[in-house]
Protein backbone atom coordinates (compact mmCIF):
# COMPACT_ATOMS: atom_id res chain seq x y z
CA MET A 1 82.74 131.64 98.72
CA LYS A 2 81.03 129.94 101.64
CA TYR A 3 82.59 126.69 102.76
CA LYS A 4 80.20 123.79 103.34
CA LEU A 5 82.56 120.98 104.29
CA LEU A 6 85.85 120.78 106.16
CA VAL A 7 87.74 117.48 105.96
CA LEU A 8 90.36 116.97 108.65
CA ASP A 9 93.09 114.39 108.96
CA VAL A 10 93.52 113.39 112.59
CA ASP A 11 97.05 112.35 113.52
CA GLY A 12 99.64 115.03 112.88
CA THR A 13 97.02 117.52 111.71
CA LEU A 14 94.04 117.92 114.06
CA LEU A 15 95.81 116.36 117.04
CA ASP A 16 99.03 117.78 118.44
CA SER A 17 102.10 115.77 119.45
CA GLU A 18 100.34 114.79 122.69
CA LYS A 19 97.36 113.45 120.68
CA LYS A 20 95.09 116.25 121.89
CA ILE A 21 93.04 118.98 120.20
CA SER A 22 94.24 122.40 121.33
CA LYS A 23 91.68 124.68 122.99
CA ARG A 24 92.11 127.22 120.21
CA THR A 25 91.51 124.63 117.49
CA LEU A 26 88.49 123.20 119.30
CA ALA A 27 86.94 126.66 119.68
CA ALA A 28 87.50 127.43 115.99
CA LEU A 29 86.01 124.11 114.86
CA LEU A 30 82.94 124.53 117.06
CA LYS A 31 82.50 128.03 115.64
CA VAL A 32 82.68 126.94 111.99
CA GLN A 33 80.14 124.21 112.69
CA GLN A 34 77.82 126.78 114.24
CA MET A 35 78.19 128.71 110.97
CA GLY A 36 76.88 125.68 109.06
CA VAL A 37 80.12 124.02 107.96
CA ARG A 38 80.08 120.25 108.31
CA ILE A 39 83.24 118.51 109.51
CA VAL A 40 84.53 115.15 108.33
CA LEU A 41 87.15 113.35 110.40
CA ALA A 42 89.25 111.39 107.90
CA SER A 43 91.72 108.84 109.20
CA GLY A 44 93.22 105.41 108.91
CA ARG A 45 92.10 104.86 112.49
CA PRO A 46 89.23 102.50 113.23
CA THR A 47 85.79 103.98 113.82
CA TYR A 48 85.97 103.09 117.52
CA GLY A 49 89.18 105.10 117.85
CA LEU A 50 87.63 108.17 116.21
CA MET A 51 84.45 108.27 118.30
CA PRO A 52 85.96 110.15 121.28
CA ILE A 53 87.36 112.80 118.92
CA ALA A 54 84.00 113.11 117.14
CA LYS A 55 82.32 113.55 120.52
CA THR A 56 84.80 116.25 121.58
CA LEU A 57 84.10 118.11 118.32
CA GLU A 58 80.35 117.62 118.79
CA LEU A 59 80.05 116.28 115.24
CA GLY A 60 76.75 114.62 116.14
CA ASN A 61 75.21 117.99 116.95
CA TYR A 62 76.24 119.56 113.65
CA GLY A 63 75.75 116.81 111.05
CA GLY A 64 79.40 115.79 110.76
CA PHE A 65 80.85 112.55 109.45
CA ILE A 66 83.50 110.00 110.36
CA LEU A 67 85.60 108.53 107.57
CA SER A 68 87.57 105.68 109.14
CA TYR A 69 89.80 102.79 108.03
CA ASN A 70 91.34 104.97 105.26
CA GLY A 71 87.90 105.32 103.69
CA GLY A 72 86.69 101.80 104.48
CA GLN A 73 83.73 103.20 106.43
CA ILE A 74 81.81 106.46 106.40
CA ILE A 75 79.49 107.10 109.33
CA ASN A 76 76.93 109.86 109.89
CA ALA A 77 78.02 111.16 113.30
CA GLN A 78 74.52 112.45 114.08
CA SER A 79 72.52 109.29 113.40
CA GLY A 80 75.27 106.66 113.57
CA GLU A 81 74.12 105.44 110.16
CA LEU A 82 76.69 103.56 108.10
CA LEU A 83 76.73 105.44 104.78
CA PHE A 84 79.49 103.49 103.04
CA GLU A 85 81.55 100.44 103.77
CA ARG A 86 84.23 98.52 101.89
CA ARG A 87 85.47 95.29 103.46
CA ILE A 88 88.24 92.83 102.67
CA ASN A 89 87.13 89.49 101.30
CA PRO A 90 87.78 87.01 104.15
CA GLU A 91 89.14 84.55 101.58
CA MET A 92 92.19 86.87 101.35
CA LEU A 93 93.07 86.42 105.03
CA PRO A 94 94.91 83.07 104.73
CA TYR A 95 97.02 84.58 101.93
CA LEU A 96 97.83 87.65 104.04
CA GLU A 97 98.62 85.50 107.06
CA LYS A 98 100.93 83.31 104.96
CA LYS A 99 102.76 86.37 103.59
CA SER A 100 103.01 87.76 107.11
CA ARG A 101 104.56 84.60 108.54
CA LYS A 102 106.88 84.07 105.58
CA ASN A 103 108.31 87.58 105.97
CA GLY A 104 108.35 87.72 109.78
CA PHE A 105 105.65 90.40 109.99
CA ALA A 106 102.94 90.78 112.57
CA ILE A 107 99.36 90.82 111.26
CA PHE A 108 96.30 92.42 112.81
CA THR A 109 92.81 93.65 112.17
CA TYR A 110 90.13 95.51 114.07
CA HIS A 111 86.80 94.24 115.35
CA GLU A 112 84.58 96.63 117.28
CA ASP A 113 86.63 97.58 120.38
CA THR A 114 89.44 95.07 119.81
CA ILE A 115 92.51 94.30 117.78
CA ILE A 116 92.87 90.67 116.73
CA THR A 117 96.46 89.62 116.13
CA ASP A 118 98.92 86.76 116.10
CA SER A 119 101.53 89.04 117.74
CA PRO A 120 100.09 90.70 120.87
CA GLU A 121 103.57 91.68 122.08
CA ASN A 122 104.40 93.66 118.92
CA GLU A 123 105.24 97.27 119.78
CA HIS A 124 103.35 98.71 116.78
CA ILE A 125 100.21 96.76 117.63
CA ARG A 126 100.38 97.69 121.32
CA ARG A 127 100.77 101.37 120.39
CA GLU A 128 97.82 101.13 117.97
CA ALA A 129 95.66 99.56 120.67
CA GLU A 130 96.62 102.21 123.21
CA LEU A 131 96.09 105.08 120.77
CA ASN A 132 92.57 103.90 119.93
CA GLY A 133 91.48 102.55 123.33
CA LEU A 134 91.29 98.97 122.03
CA LYS A 135 91.80 95.62 123.74
CA ILE A 136 94.13 93.09 122.14
CA ILE A 137 92.99 89.54 121.44
CA ALA A 138 95.80 87.08 120.70
CA GLU A 139 95.04 84.39 118.13
CA THR A 140 97.71 81.99 116.87
CA GLU A 141 95.53 81.02 113.89
CA PHE A 142 94.70 84.54 112.73
CA SER A 143 92.83 83.71 109.52
CA ILE A 144 90.66 81.15 111.32
CA ALA A 145 89.89 83.47 114.25
CA VAL A 146 88.86 86.33 111.96
CA ASP A 147 85.55 84.89 110.81
CA PHE A 148 84.24 88.14 109.35
CA ALA A 149 85.15 90.53 106.55
CA PRO A 150 87.36 93.22 108.11
CA CYS A 151 87.51 96.83 106.90
CA LYS A 152 91.27 96.89 107.33
CA CYS A 153 94.05 94.37 107.87
CA MET A 154 97.64 95.41 108.46
CA LEU A 155 101.02 93.73 108.32
CA VAL A 156 103.63 95.52 110.43
CA SER A 157 107.37 95.21 110.87
CA ASP A 158 110.44 97.23 111.76
CA ASP A 159 112.17 95.81 108.69
CA GLU A 160 111.54 98.61 106.17
CA GLU A 161 113.35 96.77 103.39
CA ALA A 162 111.12 93.71 103.80
CA LEU A 163 107.99 95.90 103.84
CA VAL A 164 109.03 97.67 100.64
CA GLY A 165 109.78 94.28 99.09
CA LEU A 166 106.29 93.09 99.93
CA GLU A 167 104.67 96.01 98.12
């Protein structure tokens, strides 16, 4: 059986503990692409955060794809064409912001090369920005500042019990 598609999770699978692709893995993935296998990067990361990995893997040269935002976007790495997109209705943002504040969570979303948040000092948000090469924009009125339909919006907290309760 000849494989035609290889779907790879990024964090904890493709990338090692130092967030790098090993030389051996890179060589193997370039070889399978040369054999005609297309690669899909699949991640919860934003598209912007996956682009450097896609470039390293040369997905654009071999007809690969980027599946970002937990499936919220699918991009043709060769042409840059947006093949699929699912966004959050912006009318949901005030509700999410209210839930976030009521429970003491931080809220954030992505926009191009930035994270928009009401909690720029939050450790989880700072780590997410660093991991994906994003700038942080602080907005006290989150749902007013986010005047677009985001692909992903997250509420974060160290209080696991409160997070489980929110589900």
